[in-house]
Amino acid sequence: MELKGRMFNTKRGDGETKGAGPMPLEPGAPAPLFTLSDAEAGSPHNLAEALQRGPVLLGIYKSSCEASKTAFPFLEKFDQAYPELTVWGIAQDSPNVTRSFARRTGVTFSMLIDDDDYAVSRAYDIAATPTLFLIDRSGTIVWQRMGFQKSSIIELSARIAELFGAVPVDVLAGTDNVPVWVPG
């Protein structure tokens, strides 16, 4: 696996040193590059190659996380609504558990397996799951959130649409039964 960039973020944007835990990479930071295998066939997926085709939405998650279970059906809606967008789930689980999670949440996009040492999760400095990253074609993180908030899903749809010069898709339509917020 190739990783580029810092492994742990120890400074906040204001220059203050943060506490002991990781803090996700912020918009404006370069996305660490990686190659991970998918849970279905073990096929490699390379971020640098995906970015050559267009923007990428990453969802780093754990299958036992309630916020991940809530968020991933929305990532599937993004995958369906914006065909030029590459959407990848990055699992902190085994391939078997990951395949089961994909079936239960109805996702059809590629689910990649973070290595046993969670190198990609560490490179992106995640503190909670899910953590979502929208990366533009240049490899810059342009949007990032932890946990699940409906307002963030609306914001993400607008940001994706902006990258494609399109009208944002209302992926929240018909989701009155989904909580407004689920902690990560």
Protein backbone atom coordinates (compact mmCIF):
# COMPACT_ATOMS: atom_id res chain seq x y z
CA MET A 1 0.00 0.00 0.00
CA GLU A 2 1.29 3.44 -0.83
CA LEU A 3 0.52 6.30 1.51
CA LYS A 4 1.61 9.84 0.98
CA GLY A 5 1.29 12.77 3.34
CA ARG A 6 1.30 12.98 7.08
CA MET A 7 0.25 10.02 9.17
CA PHE A 8 -1.03 11.92 12.21
CA ASN A 9 -2.30 15.47 12.43
CA THR A 10 -1.02 17.04 15.64
CA LYS A 11 -1.87 20.68 14.92
CA ARG A 12 -5.27 22.31 14.60
CA GLY A 13 -5.84 24.86 11.85
CA ASP A 14 -5.30 27.66 14.39
CA GLY A 15 -1.81 26.34 15.24
CA GLU A 16 -2.86 24.92 18.62
CA THR A 17 -1.71 21.41 19.47
CA LYS A 18 -4.70 19.16 19.98
CA GLY A 19 -5.22 16.33 22.45
CA ALA A 20 -3.96 12.78 22.14
CA GLY A 21 -6.54 11.47 19.67
CA PRO A 22 -6.50 11.84 15.91
CA MET A 23 -8.30 14.68 14.14
CA PRO A 24 -9.49 14.11 10.55
CA LEU A 25 -7.70 15.81 7.72
CA GLU A 26 -9.41 19.08 6.93
CA PRO A 27 -10.56 20.54 3.60
CA GLY A 28 -7.58 21.95 1.74
CA ALA A 29 -5.28 19.11 2.80
CA PRO A 30 -3.90 16.72 0.18
CA ALA A 31 -5.59 13.33 0.31
CA PRO A 32 -3.16 10.54 1.21
CA LEU A 33 -2.92 8.17 -1.76
CA PHE A 34 -3.47 4.45 -1.29
CA THR A 35 -4.26 1.16 -2.97
CA LEU A 36 -6.69 -1.18 -1.20
CA SER A 37 -8.42 -4.42 -2.22
CA ASP A 38 -12.19 -4.70 -2.41
CA ALA A 39 -14.21 -7.14 -0.30
CA GLU A 40 -15.86 -8.85 -3.28
CA ALA A 41 -13.02 -10.14 -5.42
CA GLY A 42 -9.90 -8.74 -3.78
CA SER A 43 -9.37 -6.43 -6.77
CA PRO A 44 -7.04 -3.48 -6.15
CA HIS A 45 -8.43 0.07 -6.15
CA ASN A 46 -5.93 2.91 -6.44
CA LEU A 47 -6.94 6.42 -5.36
CA ALA A 48 -4.54 8.18 -7.77
CA GLU A 49 -6.05 6.28 -10.71
CA ALA A 50 -9.61 6.99 -9.54
CA LEU A 51 -8.86 10.71 -9.28
CA GLN A 52 -7.76 10.73 -12.92
CA ARG A 53 -11.39 9.82 -13.75
CA GLY A 54 -12.91 12.44 -11.43
CA PRO A 55 -13.79 13.27 -7.80
CA VAL A 56 -13.91 10.55 -5.15
CA LEU A 57 -16.13 10.22 -2.08
CA LEU A 58 -14.63 8.06 0.69
CA GLY A 59 -16.60 6.73 3.64
CA ILE A 60 -14.34 5.22 6.31
CA TYR A 61 -16.49 3.09 8.59
CA LYS A 62 -16.94 0.21 11.00
CA SER A 63 -19.90 -2.13 10.45
CA SER A 64 -20.91 -2.04 14.12
CA CYS A 65 -21.30 1.77 14.04
CA GLU A 66 -24.92 3.00 14.00
CA ALA A 67 -23.95 6.24 12.26
CA SER A 68 -22.26 4.20 9.51
CA LYS A 69 -25.39 2.08 9.07
CA THR A 70 -27.42 5.29 8.70
CA ALA A 71 -24.98 7.10 6.38
CA PHE A 72 -24.13 4.40 3.86
CA PRO A 73 -27.55 4.19 2.15
CA PHE A 74 -27.08 7.92 1.41
CA LEU A 75 -23.66 7.22 -0.08
CA GLU A 76 -25.41 4.71 -2.35
CA LYS A 77 -27.82 7.47 -3.40
CA PHE A 78 -24.84 9.70 -4.25
CA ASP A 79 -23.31 6.85 -6.25
CA GLN A 80 -26.54 6.48 -8.23
CA ALA A 81 -27.22 10.23 -8.62
CA TYR A 82 -23.72 11.26 -9.71
CA PRO A 83 -22.36 8.58 -12.08
CA GLU A 84 -19.12 10.53 -12.64
CA LEU A 85 -18.36 10.30 -8.91
CA THR A 86 -16.34 7.37 -7.55
CA VAL A 87 -17.74 6.27 -4.18
CA TRP A 88 -15.77 3.88 -1.99
CA GLY A 89 -16.45 2.51 1.46
CA ILE A 90 -13.30 1.80 3.44
CA ALA A 91 -14.02 -0.91 5.99
CA GLN A 92 -12.35 -1.47 9.32
CA ASP A 93 -13.74 -5.01 9.14
CA SER A 94 -13.01 -8.36 7.49
CA PRO A 95 -14.12 -9.02 3.90
CA ASN A 96 -16.96 -11.30 5.15
CA VAL A 97 -18.30 -8.70 7.57
CA THR A 98 -17.92 -6.01 4.88
CA ARG A 99 -19.91 -8.00 2.32
CA SER A 100 -22.65 -8.56 4.90
CA PHE A 101 -22.70 -4.83 5.75
CA ALA A 102 -23.03 -3.96 2.05
CA ARG A 103 -26.00 -6.32 1.66
CA ARG A 104 -27.72 -5.02 4.82
CA THR A 105 -27.28 -1.36 3.86
CA GLY A 106 -28.03 -1.87 0.16
CA VAL A 107 -24.78 -0.46 -1.18
CA THR A 108 -23.43 -1.54 -4.55
CA PHE A 109 -20.31 0.63 -4.79
CA SER A 110 -16.87 -0.81 -4.04
CA MET A 111 -16.19 -1.66 -0.42
CA LEU A 112 -12.45 -1.67 0.28
CA ILE A 113 -10.69 -3.34 3.19
CA ASP A 114 -8.37 -1.22 5.33
CA ASP A 115 -5.38 -3.32 6.34
CA ASP A 116 -5.13 -4.86 9.81
CA ASP A 117 -3.14 -1.87 11.04
CA TYR A 118 -5.78 0.57 9.66
CA ALA A 119 -3.11 2.43 7.69
CA VAL A 120 -5.63 4.39 5.59
CA SER A 121 -7.80 5.26 8.59
CA ARG A 122 -4.67 6.48 10.38
CA ALA A 123 -3.44 8.41 7.34
CA TYR A 124 -6.76 10.26 7.20
CA ASP A 125 -6.60 10.82 10.99
CA ILE A 126 -10.14 9.69 11.67
CA ALA A 127 -11.48 9.95 15.23
CA ALA A 128 -14.92 8.38 14.68
CA THR A 129 -16.84 6.39 12.12
CA PRO A 130 -18.08 7.11 9.66
CA THR A 131 -15.82 9.87 8.48
CA LEU A 132 -16.58 11.05 4.95
CA PHE A 133 -14.12 12.77 2.64
CA LEU A 134 -14.88 14.37 -0.72
CA ILE A 135 -11.71 14.65 -2.80
CA ASP A 136 -11.53 16.70 -6.00
CA ARG A 137 -9.66 15.63 -9.14
CA SER A 138 -6.50 17.42 -8.00
CA GLY A 139 -6.34 15.19 -4.92
CA THR A 140 -7.40 17.89 -2.46
CA ILE A 141 -9.91 17.17 0.28
CA VAL A 142 -12.76 19.63 -0.35
CA TRP A 143 -15.26 18.42 2.29
CA GLN A 144 -15.10 16.26 5.43
CA ARG A 145 -17.51 15.22 8.21
CA MET A 146 -17.68 12.69 11.04
CA GLY A 147 -20.79 10.85 12.18
CA PHE A 148 -24.17 11.35 10.53
CA GLN A 149 -26.19 14.57 10.25
CA LYS A 150 -28.95 15.09 7.70
CA SER A 151 -27.77 18.69 7.25
CA SER A 152 -24.31 17.41 6.26
CA ILE A 153 -25.86 15.10 3.65
CA ILE A 154 -27.59 18.13 2.08
CA GLU A 155 -24.30 20.06 2.20
CA LEU A 156 -22.40 17.14 0.66
CA SER A 157 -24.89 16.85 -2.21
CA ALA A 158 -24.45 20.56 -2.95
CA ARG A 159 -20.67 20.24 -2.86
CA ILE A 160 -20.67 17.22 -5.20
CA ALA A 161 -23.02 19.00 -7.61
CA GLU A 162 -20.74 22.04 -7.56
CA LEU A 163 -17.77 19.87 -8.63
CA PHE A 164 -19.78 18.69 -11.65
CA GLY A 165 -21.54 21.97 -12.43
CA ALA A 166 -24.87 20.22 -11.80
CA VAL A 167 -28.01 20.83 -9.76
CA PRO A 168 -27.82 19.15 -6.32
CA VAL A 169 -29.86 15.96 -6.01
CA ASP A 170 -32.23 15.75 -3.03
CA VAL A 171 -31.02 12.44 -1.59
CA LEU A 172 -33.07 13.05 1.58
CA ALA A 173 -36.42 12.81 -0.20
CA GLY A 174 -38.62 10.22 1.50
CA THR A 175 -36.38 9.79 4.55
CA ASP A 176 -38.61 11.23 7.27
CA ASN A 177 -37.97 8.10 9.36
CA VAL A 178 -34.19 8.73 9.42
CA PRO A 179 -32.93 10.57 12.53
CA VAL A 180 -31.60 14.09 12.10
CA TRP A 181 -28.35 13.11 13.85
CA VAL A 182 -26.58 9.87 14.78
CA PRO A 183 -23.25 10.18 16.65
CA GLY A 184 -20.14 8.60 15.15
